[in-house]
Each structure stands twice: as structure tokens, then as C-alpha cells.
Protein backbone atom coordinates (compact mmCIF):
# COMPACT_ATOMS: atom_id res chain seq x y z
CA MET A 1 92.29 -143.18 -6.66
CA GLU A 2 94.90 -141.52 -4.48
CA GLU A 3 94.43 -140.31 -0.91
CA TYR A 4 96.41 -138.12 1.41
CA GLU A 5 95.80 -137.00 4.97
CA SER A 6 94.55 -133.54 5.82
CA GLY A 7 93.37 -133.07 9.38
CA LYS A 8 91.20 -135.96 10.55
CA SER A 9 90.23 -137.50 7.23
CA ALA A 10 91.73 -138.20 3.83
CA ILE A 11 91.32 -136.19 0.66
CA GLN A 12 90.55 -138.33 -2.37
CA LEU A 13 92.10 -137.47 -5.70
CA ARG A 14 90.36 -139.26 -8.53
CA PRO A 15 89.10 -138.85 -12.11
CA TYR A 16 85.60 -137.60 -12.79
CA GLU A 17 82.76 -140.03 -12.07
CA ALA A 18 79.18 -139.83 -13.30
CA GLY A 19 77.23 -137.56 -10.98
CA ASP A 20 80.16 -135.27 -10.13
CA GLU A 21 78.96 -132.69 -12.64
CA ARG A 22 76.37 -131.14 -10.32
CA ALA A 23 78.90 -130.36 -7.60
CA ILE A 24 81.48 -129.30 -10.20
CA ASN A 25 79.12 -126.85 -11.89
CA ARG A 26 77.81 -125.52 -8.58
CA GLU A 27 81.30 -124.79 -7.24
CA PHE A 28 82.42 -123.41 -10.60
CA ASN A 29 79.60 -120.87 -10.42
CA ARG A 30 80.50 -119.94 -6.86
CA VAL A 31 84.20 -119.52 -7.53
CA PHE A 32 83.82 -117.56 -10.77
CA ARG A 33 80.65 -115.74 -9.69
CA THR A 34 78.68 -116.78 -12.71
CA ASP A 35 75.51 -118.70 -13.46
CA ARG A 36 76.44 -121.36 -15.98
CA PRO A 37 73.56 -123.79 -16.51
CA LEU A 38 74.25 -127.49 -16.11
CA GLU A 39 73.27 -127.98 -19.75
CA GLU A 40 76.30 -125.95 -20.77
CA TRP A 41 78.56 -128.20 -18.68
CA TRP A 42 77.17 -131.22 -20.55
CA TRP A 43 77.78 -129.47 -23.88
CA LYS A 44 81.34 -128.53 -22.97
CA PHE A 45 82.41 -131.83 -21.41
CA ARG A 46 80.84 -134.34 -23.75
CA SER A 47 81.22 -138.03 -23.16
CA ILE A 48 84.26 -139.56 -24.87
CA GLU A 49 85.84 -142.98 -25.06
CA GLY A 50 88.14 -143.49 -22.10
CA GLY A 51 86.28 -141.02 -19.91
CA ARG A 52 86.36 -137.26 -19.49
CA PRO A 53 89.87 -135.99 -18.63
CA ILE A 54 88.90 -134.32 -15.37
CA MET A 55 90.56 -134.73 -11.95
CA VAL A 56 88.76 -133.80 -8.72
CA ALA A 57 89.63 -133.56 -5.04
CA ILE A 58 86.96 -134.78 -2.60
CA HIS A 59 86.93 -134.45 1.21
CA ASP A 60 84.10 -135.94 3.29
CA GLY A 61 81.88 -135.91 0.20
CA GLU A 62 82.66 -132.25 -0.57
CA LEU A 63 84.28 -131.13 -3.83
CA LEU A 64 87.41 -129.10 -3.04
CA ALA A 65 89.17 -128.66 -6.37
CA GLN A 66 89.09 -129.51 -10.06
CA TYR A 67 91.61 -129.62 -12.88
CA ALA A 68 89.70 -130.25 -16.10
CA SER A 69 90.41 -130.40 -19.81
CA VAL A 70 88.77 -130.77 -23.19
CA PRO A 71 90.40 -133.04 -25.81
CA TYR A 72 91.67 -131.41 -29.01
CA PRO A 73 93.87 -133.43 -31.38
CA ILE A 74 96.69 -131.32 -32.75
CA GLN A 75 99.18 -131.60 -35.60
CA VAL A 76 102.80 -130.62 -35.15
CA ASP A 77 104.74 -130.68 -38.42
CA GLY A 78 102.67 -133.47 -39.91
CA LYS A 79 102.42 -135.69 -36.85
CA MET A 80 99.15 -136.05 -34.95
CA TRP A 81 99.10 -135.83 -31.16
CA SER A 82 96.38 -136.31 -28.58
CA ALA A 83 96.20 -132.98 -26.81
CA ALA A 84 93.91 -131.42 -24.25
CA GLN A 85 93.07 -127.83 -23.43
CA ILE A 86 93.06 -127.07 -19.70
CA VAL A 87 89.83 -125.33 -18.63
CA ASP A 88 87.68 -124.62 -15.55
CA VAL A 89 90.53 -124.88 -13.05
CA PHE A 90 89.56 -123.95 -9.48
CA SER A 91 89.76 -124.73 -5.78
CA THR A 92 87.19 -123.79 -3.16
CA ARG A 93 87.67 -121.69 -0.05
CA ASN A 94 87.48 -124.83 2.10
CA ALA A 95 90.30 -126.37 0.07
CA ARG A 96 92.58 -123.53 1.01
CA ARG A 97 91.69 -123.92 4.71
CA LEU A 98 92.78 -127.56 4.91
CA PHE A 99 96.26 -128.32 6.14
CA ALA A 100 98.44 -130.23 3.72
CA LYS A 101 102.11 -130.43 2.83
CA LYS A 102 101.11 -129.19 -0.59
CA GLY A 103 97.98 -127.27 -1.45
CA VAL A 104 94.94 -129.28 -2.51
CA TRP A 105 94.93 -127.57 -5.91
CA VAL A 106 98.57 -128.47 -6.64
CA GLN A 107 97.95 -132.05 -5.54
CA THR A 108 94.97 -132.24 -7.90
CA VAL A 109 97.00 -130.90 -10.82
CA GLU A 110 99.91 -133.27 -10.21
CA ARG A 111 97.51 -136.20 -10.03
CA PHE A 112 95.99 -135.07 -13.36
CA PHE A 113 99.47 -134.95 -14.90
CA ASP A 114 100.28 -138.45 -13.65
CA HIS A 115 96.99 -140.00 -14.71
CA PHE A 116 96.17 -138.32 -18.03
CA ALA A 117 99.36 -136.74 -19.37
CA SER A 118 102.32 -138.86 -18.26
CA GLY A 119 100.13 -141.93 -18.74
CA GLY A 120 100.03 -141.21 -22.47
CA SER A 121 96.36 -140.32 -22.97
CA TYR A 122 97.09 -136.63 -23.55
CA PRO A 123 100.85 -136.08 -23.87
CA LEU A 124 100.38 -132.44 -24.86
CA LEU A 125 98.51 -129.99 -22.64
CA PHE A 126 97.81 -126.36 -23.47
CA GLY A 127 95.77 -123.52 -22.07
CA PHE A 128 95.09 -119.80 -22.04
CA PRO A 129 95.75 -118.45 -18.54
CA GLY A 130 95.44 -114.86 -17.44
CA ARG A 131 98.13 -113.00 -15.54
CA ARG A 132 97.48 -114.46 -12.07
CA ALA A 133 97.04 -118.04 -13.27
CA LEU A 134 100.16 -117.70 -15.41
CA ARG A 135 102.26 -116.65 -12.41
CA LEU A 136 101.05 -119.63 -10.36
CA GLY A 137 101.52 -122.00 -13.29
CA ILE A 138 105.11 -120.90 -13.89
CA LEU A 139 105.99 -121.19 -10.21
CA GLN A 140 104.40 -124.59 -9.63
CA LEU A 141 103.33 -126.38 -12.82
CA GLY A 142 105.85 -125.85 -15.62
CA TYR A 143 103.76 -123.41 -17.63
CA ASP A 144 106.98 -121.92 -18.98
CA ALA A 145 108.11 -125.13 -20.70
CA VAL A 146 107.80 -123.05 -23.84
CA GLU A 147 107.77 -119.27 -23.84
CA PRO A 148 104.16 -118.18 -23.22
CA GLN A 149 102.69 -117.20 -26.58
CA PRO A 150 101.15 -113.71 -26.72
CA ILE A 151 97.71 -113.72 -28.31
CA ARG A 152 97.45 -111.77 -31.56
CA TYR A 153 94.24 -109.88 -30.87
CA LEU A 154 92.72 -107.96 -33.78
CA SER A 155 89.73 -105.64 -33.70
CA ARG A 156 87.83 -103.48 -36.15
CA ARG A 157 85.82 -100.67 -34.65
CA THR A 158 84.64 -98.96 -37.81
CA LEU A 159 83.04 -100.70 -40.72
CA PRO A 160 85.20 -100.79 -43.87
CA LEU A 161 84.50 -97.98 -46.33
CA ARG A 162 85.04 -100.33 -49.23
CA SER A 163 85.61 -104.02 -49.72
CA ALA A 164 87.96 -105.84 -52.04
CA PRO A 165 86.32 -106.31 -55.48
CA ARG A 166 87.69 -109.83 -55.74
CA ARG A 167 85.21 -110.98 -53.09
CA PHE A 168 82.58 -110.99 -55.86
CA LEU A 169 84.32 -114.01 -57.38
CA TYR A 170 83.20 -116.09 -54.39
CA GLN A 171 79.98 -117.06 -52.68
CA ALA A 172 79.21 -118.13 -49.13
CA GLU A 173 76.61 -120.48 -47.74
CA VAL A 174 75.42 -121.15 -44.22
CA LEU A 175 76.53 -124.49 -42.78
CA GLY A 176 74.54 -126.89 -40.63
CA ASP A 177 75.82 -128.77 -37.60
CA ARG A 178 78.09 -131.09 -39.55
CA ASP A 179 79.32 -130.75 -43.12
CA GLU A 180 81.89 -133.18 -44.51
CA ARG A 181 83.14 -130.54 -46.94
CA LEU A 182 85.12 -129.22 -43.98
CA ASP A 183 87.16 -132.43 -44.16
CA LEU A 184 88.01 -131.60 -47.75
CA LEU A 185 88.89 -128.02 -46.87
CA TRP A 186 91.12 -129.11 -44.00
CA ARG A 187 92.99 -131.55 -46.26
CA ARG A 188 93.53 -128.75 -48.80
CA VAL A 189 94.91 -126.20 -46.34
CA ARG A 190 96.45 -128.11 -43.44
CA GLU A 191 100.00 -127.56 -44.69
CA SER A 192 99.45 -123.82 -44.27
CA TYR A 193 98.89 -124.46 -40.55
CA PRO A 194 101.78 -126.76 -39.53
CA VAL A 195 101.06 -126.41 -35.79
CA ALA A 196 97.31 -126.32 -35.19
CA THR A 197 94.42 -128.17 -33.66
CA ILE A 198 92.69 -130.33 -36.25
CA ARG A 199 89.94 -128.33 -37.93
CA ASP A 200 87.80 -130.91 -39.68
CA ALA A 201 84.05 -131.61 -39.68
CA ASP A 202 84.18 -133.50 -36.38
CA ARG A 203 85.91 -130.63 -34.66
CA ALA A 204 83.45 -128.05 -36.01
CA GLN A 205 80.52 -130.14 -34.83
CA TRP A 206 82.09 -130.62 -31.40
CA ARG A 207 83.03 -126.99 -30.86
CA LEU A 208 80.47 -124.99 -32.83
CA SER A 209 77.13 -126.78 -32.56
CA GLY A 210 74.66 -127.66 -29.85
CA HIS A 211 75.49 -124.92 -27.34
CA PRO A 212 72.40 -124.38 -25.13
CA THR A 213 72.60 -120.56 -25.18
CA VAL A 214 75.01 -119.51 -27.96
CA THR A 215 74.47 -119.65 -31.71
CA TYR A 216 77.49 -119.72 -34.00
CA HIS A 217 77.01 -118.42 -37.53
CA ARG A 218 79.05 -120.70 -39.79
CA PHE A 219 79.87 -120.01 -43.42
CA LEU A 220 81.60 -122.04 -46.11
CA VAL A 221 83.05 -120.14 -49.07
CA ARG A 222 83.70 -121.43 -52.58
CA PRO A 223 84.44 -119.87 -55.97
CA ARG A 224 81.29 -118.92 -57.88
CA PHE A 225 81.90 -121.48 -60.57
CA SER A 226 83.26 -124.32 -58.46
CA ASP A 227 82.06 -126.65 -55.71
CA VAL A 228 85.47 -126.79 -54.04
CA PRO A 229 85.45 -125.19 -50.56
CA VAL A 230 88.21 -122.64 -50.05
CA ALA A 231 87.34 -120.95 -46.74
CA PHE A 232 85.34 -121.33 -43.54
CA ALA A 233 84.50 -118.97 -40.69
CA ALA A 234 82.35 -119.06 -37.59
CA PHE A 235 81.05 -115.92 -35.91
CA ARG A 236 79.44 -115.25 -32.56
CA VAL A 237 77.26 -112.17 -32.95
CA GLU A 238 75.78 -110.18 -30.05
CA ARG A 239 74.91 -106.57 -29.35
CA SER A 240 78.26 -106.22 -27.64
CA GLY A 241 80.11 -107.15 -30.81
CA CYS A 242 80.96 -109.75 -33.42
CA LYS A 243 83.63 -112.34 -32.62
CA TRP A 244 85.40 -114.28 -35.32
CA VAL A 245 85.44 -117.56 -33.42
CA ASP A 246 87.13 -119.61 -36.13
CA LEU A 247 88.75 -119.12 -39.51
CA LEU A 248 90.23 -121.45 -42.08
CA TRP A 249 91.13 -120.42 -45.62
CA ASP A 250 93.09 -121.47 -48.65
CA HIS A 251 95.85 -118.89 -49.01
CA ARG A 252 95.61 -119.15 -52.81
CA HIS A 253 92.18 -117.49 -52.52
CA PRO A 254 92.48 -114.09 -50.79
CA GLY A 255 89.13 -113.12 -52.31
CA ALA A 256 87.48 -115.75 -50.13
CA LEU A 257 88.91 -114.06 -47.04
CA ALA A 258 87.71 -110.72 -48.39
CA LEU A 259 84.19 -112.13 -48.62
CA LEU A 260 84.37 -113.33 -45.01
CA SER A 261 85.56 -109.86 -43.98
CA HIS A 262 82.52 -108.41 -45.72
CA LEU A 263 80.21 -110.90 -43.97
CA GLY A 264 81.71 -110.06 -40.58
CA ALA A 265 81.05 -106.38 -41.14
CA LYS A 266 77.46 -107.06 -42.25
CA LEU A 267 76.74 -109.25 -39.21
CA THR A 268 78.17 -106.61 -36.90
CA LYS A 269 76.04 -103.88 -38.44
CA ARG A 270 72.92 -106.09 -38.40
CA VAL A 271 72.90 -106.38 -34.61
CA GLY A 272 73.84 -102.74 -34.00
CA ALA A 273 77.30 -103.58 -32.67
CA THR A 274 80.38 -101.45 -33.27
CA ILE A 275 83.29 -103.86 -32.93
CA GLU A 276 84.63 -107.06 -34.48
CA GLU A 277 87.22 -109.10 -32.60
CA MET A 278 89.43 -112.08 -33.34
CA TRP A 279 92.53 -114.00 -32.33
CA LEU A 280 94.87 -114.79 -35.20
CA ASN A 281 98.24 -116.28 -34.34
CA GLY A 282 100.18 -118.20 -36.94
CA ASP A 283 98.69 -116.63 -40.07
CA SER A 284 100.76 -113.60 -41.00
CA GLU A 285 99.29 -113.46 -44.51
CA GLY A 286 95.72 -113.43 -43.25
CA LYS A 287 96.58 -110.87 -40.60
CA ALA A 288 98.14 -108.53 -43.18
CA LEU A 289 95.07 -108.72 -45.41
CA LEU A 290 92.65 -108.12 -42.56
CA GLU A 291 94.68 -105.11 -41.47
CA GLN A 292 94.26 -103.72 -44.98
CA TRP A 293 90.50 -104.02 -44.42
CA GLY A 294 90.44 -102.11 -41.16
CA PHE A 295 91.55 -104.51 -38.43
CA VAL A 296 94.12 -103.29 -35.91
CA GLU A 297 96.29 -105.38 -33.60
CA GLU A 298 96.00 -104.48 -29.91
CA PRO A 299 96.99 -106.11 -26.60
CA GLU A 300 94.65 -108.96 -25.67
CA PRO A 301 92.12 -107.25 -23.34
CA ASN A 302 92.29 -109.87 -20.58
CA GLY A 303 96.05 -110.39 -20.71
CA LEU A 304 95.67 -113.97 -21.92
CA VAL A 305 98.56 -115.99 -23.35
CA MET A 306 98.91 -119.53 -24.61
CA VAL A 307 101.02 -122.00 -22.64
CA ALA A 308 101.85 -125.61 -23.43
CA ARG A 309 103.63 -128.53 -21.82
CA SER A 310 104.72 -131.84 -23.34
CA PHE A 311 104.83 -135.15 -21.48
CA ASP A 312 106.34 -137.14 -24.36
CA THR A 313 110.08 -137.05 -25.06
CA ASP A 314 109.35 -137.32 -28.80
CA LEU A 315 107.49 -134.02 -28.76
CA ASP A 316 109.71 -131.01 -28.16
CA VAL A 317 107.27 -128.38 -27.02
CA LYS A 318 109.63 -125.69 -28.31
CA ALA A 319 108.42 -126.63 -31.80
CA LEU A 320 105.31 -124.63 -30.87
CA ASP A 321 107.23 -121.44 -30.13
CA GLY A 322 105.77 -118.68 -32.29
CA ARG A 323 104.22 -121.19 -34.71
CA VAL A 324 100.85 -122.17 -33.28
CA TYR A 325 97.75 -121.27 -35.26
CA ILE A 326 95.29 -119.82 -32.75
CA THR A 327 91.76 -118.55 -33.13
CA MET A 328 89.15 -117.95 -30.46
CA SER A 329 87.76 -121.44 -31.05
CA ASP A 330 90.95 -122.89 -29.56
CA SER A 331 89.89 -121.55 -26.19
CA ASP A 332 86.64 -122.09 -24.30
CA LEU A 333 85.97 -118.37 -23.90
CA SER A 334 83.92 -117.59 -27.01
């Protein structure tokens, strides 16, 4: 734990401790003007070996700031790295009132870097800041270590008039919370995604199951006369629209992607929605096919970009430039 003086008493900078979650979630709701239930915090920040990678600033028992992350292992050209996605970053109004040589928020971030990143636990950090957070991150935190990656946002506002006939060569089934066939699929296709978070059965269970308020519709696709999985997709379907949260497919089987496109359209129509949305960086072939089936690329509505920073000299973060596979599941926003 690190302390520094601010006024009459010291501010403590330390990693998350059991019991902090109530204050964290309460202040998160105040800062972002939302009403996230504590159960969702527990789902998002699940217990892991070595402790949750969260740094907090405390002053006289009051939470002033947080810099938090969620672990996501990532592959970069065949090598596995421990990475973490930065999420839920905030400081309170009282934090900004305290006198300090550096702001409480910056102190919290730098302590996170020292403890979790430079220390080797998570040598690669990434996140999806909006315009304001990006400006602050570039000025103070090295968010421009690699050129911020624009998000390839695709949407389809009218249902396709026809679907590719080759989709009939494939069939889809609904997946449960954990299915080891995703391990097989990931091994088959991982070379098509040289820079990507690991998308195996563990990751799908972690990211796409157990949410207290959101249901993800997960489908595994295989040829009609084979048991070999060739595609996977997860959708979040609401009256406001259908989001393709995740996608993984064997590029030798475009018919499998066509079937998923058909399923997305059916789910959208079923709930009376009029739009499908997705992020799809790093898959030009998939993007081209989806555009044939009615998807259009547009600016990301919230101005989000991906940023990354490496804390290991063996990992040149510029290897990520323009090469990262990104879907909505890589963020915490869907």
C-alpha cells in the first residue's frame, strides 16, 4: 500500500480488498448516473487467482477513485500474453477537491501500472475509451503508445431480402454455459486471428454466461453431415436491436457465416427490432461477406476506439496496429 499527503491526512493507494465492492459499485452508479446492481459487479469482476486487478484510492475511509480491469489472455503472432481490459475508471467529486501534486485519479492509475502491469501480472493493457477519456489518456497515461484503433462498426437496418443458399448446408444449435467444442473450434481457426483475445470455452463461459440481467443467445454451427464445429456467434437481443456480441468462424466455410447472418435477422425480427449491430475489426473477409448481406460500415456511434499499452520490452505494441480482431465481446459494453 502506498500513501501520499493531501491536506491533513494521507490518501491510501492499494489493490482491491474484500468488502470494497459495495463502495465501488455505489460510487460507480453515482459517477455514471446508472443503477448497476451489486450482482452485476460480482459477475463482471469474478474472483481469480492472484486477486482482482483493481486499484483504489481511499481517504479517511472514503473511496475517491478506481482504476479497474478484467483479465483477458491474448495471442500476438502465436505467443500468449496475460492482458487486461481497463474498465470502470472513475474518480469522485471529492477526489477532485483534494489538493495534491498530481490528481488522485492519475496517482491511482500510476499505482495500478506499477503494481499490476510493470510487475508482470498483466504486461499488456487495452481499453475502449470515448473521446474525452482518450484525450486525457493520451496527455497523461500513454494511450497513444500505438495509434488508437478505430472500431469497425457495422449495422443492418433492413432485413435481407434473400439469404445465401449455401447456408442450407449447415445447421446451428443453441449452446449451454460451457461447451468444450469451442476449444476445438478455436484451435481450428486461431491462425485466422493472429492478434486476438483467446476465444475458447473458458472465455465464452466467463464472458457470456451468468449475467444477472442479460441473456446471450449462443449458437454453434457445423456442416449438416459432420460433427466438426465451424462457427460460433453470440447475440444480445432486445427491443432496441440485436447485437452480435461475438463471432468466430472457419474462413473455409462461408456458408456457416451465412447461416449466422440468417439467424441474426430472425432474432431481430422476432423481438420487433429494426437494427443489427456489430464490431468487426481484423476480419476483412467476414466484413465483405456481411456487407453483401446488407450490413453497412458507419462511424462507431459513441466515438469509441481501442488503445493498448505494453509494459514488456519483448512485446512491441505496434504489432497490434491495424491487426487486432475486435468484436463487442472484447469490451464490457454489450
